[in-house]
N, C-alpha and C. Protein backbone atom coordinates (compact mmCIF):
# COMPACT_ATOMS: atom_id res chain seq x y z
N MET A 1 80.38 33.49 41.28
CA MET A 1 80.04 32.13 41.69
C MET A 1 79.05 31.53 40.68
N MET A 2 79.45 30.44 40.06
CA MET A 2 78.59 29.77 39.09
C MET A 2 77.74 28.70 39.80
N THR A 3 76.50 28.61 39.37
CA THR A 3 75.62 27.57 39.91
C THR A 3 74.92 26.88 38.75
N ASP A 4 74.22 25.81 39.06
CA ASP A 4 73.44 25.13 38.04
C ASP A 4 71.98 25.59 38.05
N TYR A 5 71.71 26.69 38.75
CA TYR A 5 70.35 27.21 38.85
C TYR A 5 69.80 27.58 37.48
N LYS A 6 68.55 27.19 37.25
CA LYS A 6 67.86 27.54 36.00
C LYS A 6 66.65 28.41 36.38
N PRO A 7 66.63 29.66 35.93
CA PRO A 7 65.53 30.56 36.30
C PRO A 7 64.17 29.97 35.94
N VAL A 8 63.19 30.27 36.78
CA VAL A 8 61.83 29.80 36.54
C VAL A 8 61.07 30.86 35.76
N THR A 9 59.91 30.49 35.26
CA THR A 9 59.11 31.43 34.49
C THR A 9 58.56 32.55 35.39
N CYS A 10 58.29 33.67 34.79
CA CYS A 10 57.66 34.78 35.52
C CYS A 10 56.29 34.35 36.05
N GLU A 11 55.62 33.50 35.29
CA GLU A 11 54.30 33.01 35.70
C GLU A 11 54.39 32.23 37.01
N LEU A 12 55.35 31.32 37.12
CA LEU A 12 55.52 30.56 38.36
C LEU A 12 55.91 31.49 39.50
N HIS A 13 56.82 32.38 39.25
CA HIS A 13 57.26 33.32 40.29
C HIS A 13 56.08 34.13 40.81
N SER A 14 55.26 34.65 39.93
CA SER A 14 54.09 35.43 40.31
C SER A 14 53.09 34.59 41.09
N HIS A 15 52.90 33.36 40.65
CA HIS A 15 51.98 32.45 41.35
C HIS A 15 52.45 32.20 42.78
N LEU A 16 53.75 31.99 42.96
CA LEU A 16 54.29 31.78 44.30
C LEU A 16 54.10 33.02 45.17
N GLU A 17 54.29 34.19 44.60
CA GLU A 17 54.06 35.44 45.35
C GLU A 17 52.60 35.53 45.78
N ASP A 18 51.67 35.15 44.90
CA ASP A 18 50.25 35.16 45.24
C ASP A 18 49.96 34.22 46.41
N LEU A 19 50.60 33.06 46.41
CA LEU A 19 50.38 32.09 47.48
C LEU A 19 50.89 32.62 48.83
N ILE A 20 51.93 33.41 48.80
CA ILE A 20 52.42 34.03 50.04
C ILE A 20 51.37 34.99 50.58
N VAL A 21 50.77 35.78 49.71
CA VAL A 21 49.79 36.78 50.11
C VAL A 21 48.56 36.13 50.74
N ILE A 22 48.07 35.05 50.13
CA ILE A 22 46.85 34.43 50.68
C ILE A 22 47.12 33.57 51.91
N ALA A 23 48.39 33.20 52.13
CA ALA A 23 48.81 32.47 53.33
C ALA A 23 48.00 31.20 53.58
N LYS A 24 47.63 30.53 52.50
CA LYS A 24 46.86 29.29 52.60
C LYS A 24 47.78 28.11 52.27
N PRO A 25 47.75 27.04 53.06
CA PRO A 25 48.58 25.88 52.74
C PRO A 25 48.26 25.32 51.35
N VAL A 26 49.31 24.89 50.65
CA VAL A 26 49.17 24.35 49.30
C VAL A 26 49.96 23.06 49.17
N SER A 27 49.53 22.21 48.26
CA SER A 27 50.26 20.99 47.97
C SER A 27 51.41 21.34 47.03
N LEU A 28 52.61 20.88 47.38
CA LEU A 28 53.79 21.23 46.59
C LEU A 28 54.67 19.99 46.42
N ARG A 29 55.18 19.82 45.20
CA ARG A 29 56.13 18.74 44.91
C ARG A 29 57.46 19.37 44.56
N TRP A 30 58.56 18.81 45.11
CA TRP A 30 59.88 19.34 44.82
C TRP A 30 60.94 18.28 45.02
N LEU A 31 62.13 18.58 44.53
CA LEU A 31 63.30 17.73 44.70
C LEU A 31 64.27 18.43 45.66
N ASP A 32 64.90 17.66 46.53
CA ASP A 32 65.93 18.25 47.37
C ASP A 32 67.27 18.19 46.64
N GLU A 33 68.33 18.58 47.30
CA GLU A 33 69.65 18.62 46.67
C GLU A 33 70.12 17.25 46.20
N ASP A 34 69.62 16.19 46.84
CA ASP A 34 70.01 14.82 46.48
C ASP A 34 69.03 14.19 45.48
N GLN A 35 68.14 15.02 44.92
CA GLN A 35 67.14 14.58 43.94
C GLN A 35 66.06 13.69 44.54
N LYS A 36 65.93 13.70 45.86
CA LYS A 36 64.84 12.98 46.52
C LYS A 36 63.57 13.82 46.35
N GLN A 37 62.48 13.15 45.95
CA GLN A 37 61.23 13.86 45.69
C GLN A 37 60.36 13.93 46.94
N PHE A 38 59.72 15.08 47.12
CA PHE A 38 58.80 15.30 48.24
C PHE A 38 57.47 15.79 47.68
N ASN A 39 56.41 15.47 48.39
CA ASN A 39 55.08 15.95 48.06
C ASN A 39 54.39 16.23 49.39
N GLU A 40 54.30 17.50 49.75
CA GLU A 40 53.78 17.88 51.06
C GLU A 40 52.84 19.07 50.95
N THR A 41 52.01 19.23 51.94
CA THR A 41 51.22 20.45 52.07
C THR A 41 52.05 21.43 52.88
N VAL A 42 52.33 22.58 52.29
CA VAL A 42 53.20 23.57 52.92
C VAL A 42 52.53 24.94 52.92
N LYS A 43 53.01 25.79 53.78
CA LYS A 43 52.65 27.20 53.75
C LYS A 43 53.89 27.93 53.26
N ILE A 44 53.74 28.72 52.20
CA ILE A 44 54.87 29.47 51.64
C ILE A 44 54.96 30.79 52.40
N LEU A 45 56.11 31.01 53.04
CA LEU A 45 56.29 32.17 53.90
C LEU A 45 56.98 33.34 53.22
N ASN A 46 57.89 33.05 52.30
CA ASN A 46 58.70 34.11 51.71
C ASN A 46 59.30 33.64 50.39
N ILE A 47 59.69 34.60 49.57
CA ILE A 47 60.41 34.30 48.34
C ILE A 47 61.57 35.29 48.27
N TYR A 48 62.76 34.80 47.90
CA TYR A 48 63.93 35.67 47.92
C TYR A 48 65.02 35.13 46.99
N THR A 49 66.00 35.97 46.75
CA THR A 49 67.15 35.63 45.92
C THR A 49 68.41 35.67 46.76
N ARG A 50 69.27 34.69 46.55
CA ARG A 50 70.56 34.64 47.22
C ARG A 50 71.58 34.05 46.25
N ASN A 51 72.68 34.73 46.06
CA ASN A 51 73.74 34.26 45.16
C ASN A 51 73.20 33.91 43.77
N HIS A 52 72.31 34.75 43.25
CA HIS A 52 71.74 34.59 41.91
C HIS A 52 70.83 33.37 41.78
N GLU A 53 70.36 32.84 42.90
CA GLU A 53 69.40 31.74 42.91
C GLU A 53 68.16 32.19 43.67
N GLU A 54 66.98 31.70 43.25
CA GLU A 54 65.74 32.08 43.91
C GLU A 54 65.22 30.92 44.77
N PHE A 55 64.66 31.28 45.92
CA PHE A 55 64.17 30.32 46.89
C PHE A 55 62.82 30.74 47.44
N ILE A 56 62.08 29.74 47.92
CA ILE A 56 60.92 30.03 48.77
C ILE A 56 61.23 29.44 50.13
N GLN A 57 60.72 30.12 51.13
CA GLN A 57 60.79 29.59 52.49
C GLN A 57 59.41 29.00 52.78
N VAL A 58 59.38 27.75 53.22
CA VAL A 58 58.12 27.06 53.47
C VAL A 58 58.11 26.47 54.86
N GLN A 59 56.90 26.13 55.29
CA GLN A 59 56.74 25.49 56.60
C GLN A 59 55.67 24.42 56.48
N ILE A 60 55.93 23.28 57.09
CA ILE A 60 54.97 22.19 57.17
C ILE A 60 54.44 22.17 58.59
N ASN A 61 53.14 22.42 58.74
CA ASN A 61 52.52 22.50 60.07
C ASN A 61 53.30 23.46 60.95
N THR A 62 53.75 23.01 62.12
CA THR A 62 54.48 23.89 63.02
C THR A 62 55.98 23.59 63.04
N GLU A 63 56.43 22.83 62.05
CA GLU A 63 57.86 22.50 61.97
C GLU A 63 58.68 23.74 61.65
N THR A 64 59.99 23.62 61.80
CA THR A 64 60.90 24.71 61.48
C THR A 64 60.85 25.01 59.98
N PRO A 65 60.72 26.28 59.60
CA PRO A 65 60.72 26.63 58.18
C PRO A 65 62.02 26.20 57.49
N PHE A 66 61.92 25.90 56.20
CA PHE A 66 63.10 25.54 55.41
C PHE A 66 62.93 26.11 54.01
N GLU A 67 63.97 26.04 53.20
CA GLU A 67 63.90 26.64 51.88
C GLU A 67 63.95 25.59 50.78
N ILE A 68 63.34 25.98 49.66
CA ILE A 68 63.33 25.16 48.45
C ILE A 68 63.77 26.06 47.30
N ARG A 69 64.76 25.61 46.56
CA ARG A 69 65.20 26.39 45.40
C ARG A 69 64.11 26.29 44.32
N LEU A 70 63.77 27.41 43.72
CA LEU A 70 62.62 27.43 42.80
C LEU A 70 62.73 26.47 41.64
N ASP A 71 63.92 26.26 41.11
CA ASP A 71 64.02 25.36 39.97
C ASP A 71 63.94 23.89 40.36
N ARG A 72 63.75 23.61 41.64
CA ARG A 72 63.55 22.23 42.09
C ARG A 72 62.08 21.92 42.35
N ILE A 73 61.22 22.91 42.11
CA ILE A 73 59.78 22.68 42.24
C ILE A 73 59.30 21.92 41.01
N LEU A 74 58.51 20.89 41.24
CA LEU A 74 57.99 20.07 40.13
C LEU A 74 56.59 20.53 39.80
N ILE A 75 56.36 20.80 38.54
CA ILE A 75 55.04 21.29 38.10
C ILE A 75 54.25 20.13 37.54
């Protein structure tokens, strides 16, 4: 299965893992699948790979957790 996923740097990946460990809400900017930009304070719950793409699972306040593909995070 081919995707347009572009791997992120090891530095970003490690930073996201650190944020999971400290479990502190962080400000994050990202694009959704339709290229709509978001800027929210989120808690990063998990990081994982599926179909050769990497994702983080995040939560805003007490809302239902959702995922963001790592290459859609805006630095």
